[in-house]
N, C-alpha and C. Protein backbone atom coordinates (compact mmCIF):
# COMPACT_ATOMS: atom_id res chain seq x y z
N UNK A 1 44.73 59.07 111.81
CA UNK A 1 45.91 59.34 112.60
C UNK A 1 46.95 60.01 111.71
N UNK A 2 47.52 61.07 112.22
CA UNK A 2 48.57 61.74 111.47
C UNK A 2 49.93 61.28 111.98
N UNK A 3 50.83 61.10 111.02
CA UNK A 3 52.21 60.73 111.33
C UNK A 3 53.14 61.65 110.56
N UNK A 4 54.27 61.94 111.17
CA UNK A 4 55.34 62.67 110.50
C UNK A 4 56.45 61.67 110.19
N UNK A 5 56.86 61.63 108.95
CA UNK A 5 57.96 60.78 108.52
C UNK A 5 59.14 61.70 108.25
N UNK A 6 60.20 61.54 109.02
CA UNK A 6 61.37 62.41 108.94
C UNK A 6 62.50 61.68 108.23
N UNK A 7 62.97 62.24 107.14
CA UNK A 7 64.04 61.62 106.36
C UNK A 7 65.38 62.12 106.87
N UNK A 8 66.15 61.22 107.46
CA UNK A 8 67.47 61.55 108.00
C UNK A 8 68.55 61.11 107.01
N UNK A 9 69.52 61.95 106.80
CA UNK A 9 70.63 61.61 105.92
C UNK A 9 71.92 61.59 106.73
N UNK A 10 72.79 60.66 106.40
CA UNK A 10 74.11 60.64 107.00
C UNK A 10 74.24 59.74 108.20
N UNK A 11 73.21 58.99 108.53
CA UNK A 11 73.29 58.05 109.64
C UNK A 11 73.37 56.65 109.07
N UNK A 12 72.97 55.64 109.82
CA UNK A 12 73.05 54.27 109.33
C UNK A 12 72.31 54.11 108.01
N UNK A 13 71.16 54.72 107.88
CA UNK A 13 70.41 54.66 106.64
C UNK A 13 70.96 55.67 105.66
N UNK A 14 71.55 55.20 104.57
CA UNK A 14 72.10 56.10 103.58
C UNK A 14 73.45 56.68 103.97
N UNK A 15 74.01 56.24 105.08
CA UNK A 15 75.26 56.82 105.57
C UNK A 15 76.47 56.51 104.73
N UNK A 16 76.46 55.38 104.02
CA UNK A 16 77.60 55.01 103.19
C UNK A 16 77.50 55.63 101.80
N UNK A 17 76.46 56.37 101.57
CA UNK A 17 76.19 56.93 100.26
C UNK A 17 76.74 58.36 100.19
N UNK A 18 77.32 58.73 99.05
CA UNK A 18 77.77 60.12 98.93
C UNK A 18 76.58 61.08 98.93
N UNK A 19 76.80 62.35 99.25
CA UNK A 19 75.70 63.32 99.20
C UNK A 19 75.10 63.38 97.80
N UNK A 20 73.82 63.67 97.72
CA UNK A 20 73.13 63.70 96.43
C UNK A 20 73.78 64.69 95.47
N UNK A 21 74.44 65.70 95.99
CA UNK A 21 75.13 66.68 95.14
C UNK A 21 76.29 66.06 94.37
N UNK A 22 76.71 64.85 94.78
CA UNK A 22 77.82 64.17 94.10
C UNK A 22 77.34 63.02 93.22
N UNK A 23 76.04 62.78 93.15
CA UNK A 23 75.51 61.69 92.32
C UNK A 23 75.53 62.08 90.85
N UNK A 24 75.59 61.08 89.96
CA UNK A 24 75.43 61.38 88.54
C UNK A 24 74.03 61.97 88.29
N UNK A 25 73.91 62.89 87.33
CA UNK A 25 72.61 63.54 87.08
C UNK A 25 71.45 62.57 86.87
N UNK A 26 71.67 61.47 86.18
CA UNK A 26 70.59 60.50 85.96
C UNK A 26 70.10 59.87 87.25
N UNK A 27 71.01 59.64 88.20
CA UNK A 27 70.63 59.07 89.49
C UNK A 27 69.82 60.08 90.31
N UNK A 28 70.22 61.35 90.23
CA UNK A 28 69.47 62.41 90.92
C UNK A 28 68.06 62.49 90.34
N UNK A 29 67.94 62.47 89.01
CA UNK A 29 66.63 62.54 88.36
C UNK A 29 65.75 61.35 88.75
N UNK A 30 66.34 60.16 88.82
CA UNK A 30 65.56 58.97 89.20
C UNK A 30 65.08 59.09 90.65
N UNK A 31 65.93 59.58 91.53
CA UNK A 31 65.56 59.73 92.94
C UNK A 31 64.45 60.76 93.10
N UNK A 32 64.61 61.91 92.50
CA UNK A 32 63.60 62.97 92.60
C UNK A 32 62.30 62.51 91.93
N UNK A 33 62.40 61.82 90.81
CA UNK A 33 61.20 61.29 90.14
C UNK A 33 60.44 60.32 91.03
N UNK A 34 61.18 59.48 91.76
CA UNK A 34 60.57 58.56 92.70
C UNK A 34 59.80 59.32 93.78
N UNK A 35 60.43 60.36 94.33
CA UNK A 35 59.78 61.14 95.39
C UNK A 35 58.53 61.85 94.86
N UNK A 36 58.59 62.38 93.65
CA UNK A 36 57.42 63.02 93.05
C UNK A 36 56.30 62.00 92.88
N UNK A 37 56.63 60.81 92.39
CA UNK A 37 55.62 59.75 92.21
C UNK A 37 55.03 59.33 93.55
N UNK A 38 55.87 59.20 94.58
CA UNK A 38 55.39 58.83 95.91
C UNK A 38 54.40 59.88 96.41
N UNK A 39 54.77 61.14 96.32
CA UNK A 39 53.89 62.22 96.79
C UNK A 39 52.59 62.25 95.99
N UNK A 40 52.67 62.06 94.68
CA UNK A 40 51.48 62.05 93.83
C UNK A 40 50.54 60.90 94.23
N UNK A 41 51.13 59.73 94.49
CA UNK A 41 50.33 58.56 94.89
C UNK A 41 49.66 58.79 96.24
N UNK A 42 50.41 59.33 97.21
CA UNK A 42 49.83 59.60 98.53
C UNK A 42 48.74 60.65 98.44
N UNK A 43 48.93 61.67 97.61
CA UNK A 43 47.92 62.71 97.43
C UNK A 43 46.66 62.12 96.80
N UNK A 44 46.83 61.26 95.82
CA UNK A 44 45.67 60.64 95.15
C UNK A 44 44.86 59.78 96.12
N UNK A 45 45.52 59.19 97.10
CA UNK A 45 44.84 58.36 98.10
C UNK A 45 44.30 59.19 99.26
N UNK A 46 44.54 60.50 99.23
CA UNK A 46 44.07 61.38 100.30
C UNK A 46 44.88 61.25 101.58
N UNK A 47 46.09 60.71 101.49
CA UNK A 47 46.91 60.49 102.69
C UNK A 47 47.95 61.58 102.92
N UNK A 48 48.31 62.33 101.90
CA UNK A 48 49.37 63.33 102.03
C UNK A 48 48.82 64.63 102.59
N UNK A 49 49.40 65.06 103.71
CA UNK A 49 49.06 66.36 104.30
C UNK A 49 50.09 67.38 103.83
N UNK A 50 51.38 67.03 103.91
CA UNK A 50 52.46 67.92 103.49
C UNK A 50 53.72 67.11 103.26
N UNK A 51 54.58 67.61 102.40
CA UNK A 51 55.88 66.99 102.16
C UNK A 51 56.82 68.07 101.64
N UNK A 52 58.01 68.12 102.19
CA UNK A 52 58.99 69.12 101.78
C UNK A 52 60.40 68.58 101.96
N UNK A 53 61.28 68.95 101.07
CA UNK A 53 62.70 68.76 101.27
C UNK A 53 63.22 69.98 102.02
N UNK A 54 64.33 69.84 102.69
CA UNK A 54 64.88 70.94 103.48
C UNK A 54 66.23 71.37 102.94
N UNK A 55 66.58 72.63 103.18
CA UNK A 55 67.88 73.17 102.78
C UNK A 55 68.99 72.43 103.53
N UNK A 56 70.20 72.55 103.01
CA UNK A 56 71.35 71.90 103.63
C UNK A 56 71.60 72.47 105.03
N UNK A 57 72.18 71.67 105.92
CA UNK A 57 72.42 72.11 107.30
C UNK A 57 73.24 73.38 107.41
N UNK A 58 74.14 73.63 106.47
CA UNK A 58 74.96 74.85 106.57
C UNK A 58 74.12 76.12 106.38
N UNK A 59 72.88 75.98 105.97
CA UNK A 59 71.97 77.12 105.83
C UNK A 59 71.03 77.25 107.03
N UNK A 60 71.09 76.30 107.96
CA UNK A 60 70.18 76.31 109.11
C UNK A 60 70.55 77.38 110.11
N UNK A 61 69.57 77.88 110.80
CA UNK A 61 69.76 78.84 111.89
C UNK A 61 68.99 78.32 113.10
N UNK A 62 69.52 78.58 114.27
CA UNK A 62 68.83 78.27 115.52
C UNK A 62 68.52 79.60 116.19
N UNK A 63 67.27 79.80 116.56
CA UNK A 63 66.82 81.04 117.18
C UNK A 63 66.36 80.73 118.60
N UNK A 64 66.92 81.45 119.57
CA UNK A 64 66.54 81.31 120.97
C UNK A 64 66.20 82.70 121.49
N UNK A 65 65.05 82.82 122.13
CA UNK A 65 64.65 84.12 122.67
C UNK A 65 64.10 83.93 124.07
N UNK A 66 64.71 84.59 125.02
CA UNK A 66 64.23 84.56 126.42
C UNK A 66 63.73 85.94 126.80
N UNK A 67 63.19 86.65 125.83
CA UNK A 67 62.79 88.04 126.03
C UNK A 67 63.86 88.92 125.44
N UNK A 68 63.50 90.05 124.94
CA UNK A 68 64.47 90.93 124.31
C UNK A 68 64.82 90.44 122.92
N UNK A 69 66.02 90.76 122.47
CA UNK A 69 66.45 90.38 121.13
C UNK A 69 66.76 88.88 121.07
N UNK A 70 66.37 88.22 119.99
CA UNK A 70 66.68 86.80 119.88
C UNK A 70 68.17 86.57 119.60
N UNK A 71 68.66 85.44 120.07
CA UNK A 71 70.03 85.02 119.77
C UNK A 71 69.94 84.07 118.58
N UNK A 72 70.70 84.33 117.54
CA UNK A 72 70.66 83.53 116.32
C UNK A 72 72.04 82.94 116.10
N UNK A 73 72.09 81.61 115.94
CA UNK A 73 73.36 80.94 115.69
C UNK A 73 73.23 80.06 114.46
N UNK A 74 74.36 79.67 113.90
CA UNK A 74 74.35 78.76 112.75
C UNK A 74 74.02 77.36 113.19
N UNK A 75 73.51 76.67 112.28
CA UNK A 75 73.42 75.26 112.37
C UNK A 75 72.51 74.66 113.32
N UNK A 76 72.08 73.58 113.67
CA UNK A 76 72.02 73.16 115.05
C UNK A 76 73.32 72.48 115.45
N UNK A 77 73.84 71.65 114.57
CA UNK A 77 75.05 70.88 114.90
C UNK A 77 75.92 70.80 113.65
N UNK A 78 76.62 71.87 113.30
CA UNK A 78 77.35 71.88 112.03
C UNK A 78 78.47 70.84 111.95
N UNK A 79 78.94 70.33 113.08
CA UNK A 79 80.03 69.35 113.04
C UNK A 79 79.55 67.93 112.75
N UNK A 80 78.25 67.69 112.80
CA UNK A 80 77.75 66.34 112.57
C UNK A 80 77.56 66.06 111.09
N UNK A 81 77.59 64.80 110.73
CA UNK A 81 77.34 64.41 109.34
C UNK A 81 75.88 64.01 109.15
N UNK A 82 75.12 63.97 110.22
CA UNK A 82 73.70 63.61 110.14
C UNK A 82 72.86 64.87 110.07
N UNK A 83 71.80 64.81 109.28
CA UNK A 83 70.90 65.96 109.21
C UNK A 83 69.53 65.52 108.71
N UNK A 84 68.54 66.36 108.99
CA UNK A 84 67.18 66.14 108.53
C UNK A 84 67.10 66.64 107.10
N UNK A 85 66.78 65.74 106.16
CA UNK A 85 66.77 66.09 104.74
C UNK A 85 65.39 66.50 104.24
N UNK A 86 64.35 66.02 104.88
CA UNK A 86 63.00 66.34 104.45
C UNK A 86 61.98 65.62 105.31
N UNK A 87 60.70 65.84 104.99
CA UNK A 87 59.65 65.21 105.80
C UNK A 87 58.37 65.07 105.01
N UNK A 88 57.52 64.18 105.49
CA UNK A 88 56.15 64.04 105.03
C UNK A 88 55.27 64.08 106.26
N UNK A 89 54.08 64.63 106.13
CA UNK A 89 53.03 64.44 107.12
C UNK A 89 51.92 63.73 106.39
N UNK A 90 51.54 62.57 106.92
CA UNK A 90 50.49 61.77 106.29
C UNK A 90 49.36 61.57 107.28
N UNK A 91 48.18 61.42 106.75
CA UNK A 91 46.99 61.16 107.56
C UNK A 91 46.47 59.80 107.10
N UNK A 92 46.71 58.79 107.92
CA UNK A 92 46.43 57.40 107.55
C UNK A 92 45.62 56.71 108.66
N UNK A 93 44.98 55.59 108.35
CA UNK A 93 44.15 54.93 109.34
C UNK A 93 44.91 54.20 110.45
N UNK A 94 46.20 53.92 110.23
CA UNK A 94 46.92 53.13 111.22
C UNK A 94 48.43 53.35 111.15
N UNK A 95 49.10 52.97 112.23
CA UNK A 95 50.57 53.01 112.23
C UNK A 95 51.12 52.07 111.17
N UNK A 96 50.46 50.95 110.97
CA UNK A 96 50.91 49.97 109.96
C UNK A 96 51.03 50.63 108.59
N UNK A 97 50.02 51.43 108.21
CA UNK A 97 50.07 52.11 106.91
C UNK A 97 51.20 53.13 106.89
N UNK A 98 51.42 53.86 107.97
CA UNK A 98 52.51 54.83 108.04
C UNK A 98 53.86 54.13 107.86
N UNK A 99 54.00 52.95 108.44
CA UNK A 99 55.24 52.17 108.29
C UNK A 99 55.42 51.74 106.84
N UNK A 100 54.34 51.34 106.18
CA UNK A 100 54.42 50.96 104.76
C UNK A 100 54.94 52.14 103.92
N UNK A 101 54.42 53.33 104.20
CA UNK A 101 54.86 54.51 103.45
C UNK A 101 56.32 54.83 103.76
N UNK A 102 56.71 54.74 105.02
CA UNK A 102 58.10 55.00 105.41
C UNK A 102 59.04 54.01 104.72
N UNK A 103 58.65 52.75 104.65
CA UNK A 103 59.48 51.74 103.99
C UNK A 103 59.62 52.05 102.50
N UNK A 104 58.54 52.48 101.89
CA UNK A 104 58.60 52.84 100.46
C UNK A 104 59.54 54.01 100.25
N UNK A 105 59.44 55.03 101.10
CA UNK A 105 60.32 56.19 100.98
C UNK A 105 61.78 55.80 101.21
N UNK A 106 62.02 54.94 102.17
CA UNK A 106 63.38 54.50 102.48
C UNK A 106 64.03 53.80 101.30
N UNK A 107 63.24 53.10 100.51
CA UNK A 107 63.77 52.32 99.39
C UNK A 107 63.90 53.15 98.11
N UNK A 108 63.80 54.46 98.18
CA UNK A 108 63.98 55.31 97.01
C UNK A 108 65.31 54.99 96.34
N UNK A 109 65.37 55.11 95.01
CA UNK A 109 66.63 54.78 94.34
C UNK A 109 67.74 55.76 94.69
N UNK A 110 68.90 55.19 94.92
CA UNK A 110 70.10 55.98 95.17
C UNK A 110 71.05 55.84 94.00
N UNK A 111 72.35 55.99 94.23
CA UNK A 111 73.32 55.84 93.16
C UNK A 111 73.19 54.49 92.46
N UNK A 112 73.28 54.50 91.16
CA UNK A 112 73.16 53.32 90.30
C UNK A 112 71.79 52.66 90.43
N UNK A 113 70.81 53.38 90.95
CA UNK A 113 69.45 52.86 91.04
C UNK A 113 69.21 51.89 92.18
N UNK A 114 70.22 51.64 93.00
CA UNK A 114 70.06 50.72 94.13
C UNK A 114 69.21 51.40 95.20
N UNK A 115 68.38 50.63 95.95
CA UNK A 115 67.59 51.24 97.02
C UNK A 115 68.50 52.00 98.00
N UNK A 116 68.13 53.24 98.26
CA UNK A 116 68.94 54.13 99.08
C UNK A 116 69.03 53.63 100.52
N UNK A 117 67.92 53.16 101.08
CA UNK A 117 67.92 52.68 102.46
C UNK A 117 68.10 53.79 103.47
N UNK A 118 67.64 54.99 103.12
CA UNK A 118 67.77 56.13 104.04
C UNK A 118 66.83 55.94 105.23
N UNK A 119 67.28 56.32 106.41
CA UNK A 119 66.48 56.17 107.62
C UNK A 119 65.29 57.12 107.59
N UNK A 120 64.12 56.60 107.87
CA UNK A 120 62.90 57.40 107.97
C UNK A 120 62.38 57.24 109.40
N UNK A 121 62.42 58.31 110.16
CA UNK A 121 61.90 58.30 111.52
C UNK A 121 60.39 58.52 111.45
N UNK A 122 59.64 57.71 112.19
CA UNK A 122 58.18 57.77 112.18
C UNK A 122 57.70 58.25 113.54
N UNK A 123 56.93 59.35 113.55
CA UNK A 123 56.41 59.88 114.81
C UNK A 123 54.96 60.30 114.62
N UNK A 124 54.12 59.89 115.54
CA UNK A 124 52.73 60.30 115.48
C UNK A 124 52.62 61.78 115.80
N UNK A 125 51.79 62.49 115.05
CA UNK A 125 51.52 63.90 115.31
C UNK A 125 50.43 63.94 116.38
N UNK A 126 50.75 64.54 117.49
CA UNK A 126 49.81 64.59 118.61
C UNK A 126 48.95 65.82 118.50
N UNK A 127 47.75 65.73 119.03
CA UNK A 127 46.86 66.89 119.05
C UNK A 127 46.71 67.37 120.49
N UNK A 128 46.34 68.61 120.61
CA UNK A 128 46.13 69.19 121.95
C UNK A 128 44.90 68.56 122.59
N UNK A 129 44.88 68.46 123.91
CA UNK A 129 43.69 67.93 124.57
C UNK A 129 42.49 68.84 124.31
N UNK A 130 41.34 68.23 124.19
CA UNK A 130 40.12 69.00 123.98
C UNK A 130 39.63 69.57 125.31
N UNK A 131 39.25 70.84 125.33
CA UNK A 131 38.73 71.42 126.58
C UNK A 131 37.40 70.75 126.95
N UNK A 132 37.18 70.61 128.23
CA UNK A 132 35.95 69.96 128.69
C UNK A 132 34.82 70.95 128.81
């Protein structure tokens, strides 16, 4: 079963924490090192399909096309403090295992090495129906 784990920043999970751009360099290194180790461990177990961090929301674009030239706007929601920071796609035998991975990612070290507690949304990746 494939699951997508979506890392949200700025909500209840990690919401009281300053942006990573304001953390001391050692805290940033510890956090990124944790994420690298997590990805390496998942890859070694054959569970990691993909994982990426995302650019800041101020760099996001929304594209809508109803035929003709597409309409391109900034942001999806530039006024919000919540945003999608990154994601993993894992291929695991059960939802229970996906939850274990999400919990591990949520507990990544934040400022002063304390568990960050960032919200990780868990969604099963659905496949298209097979033709009969």
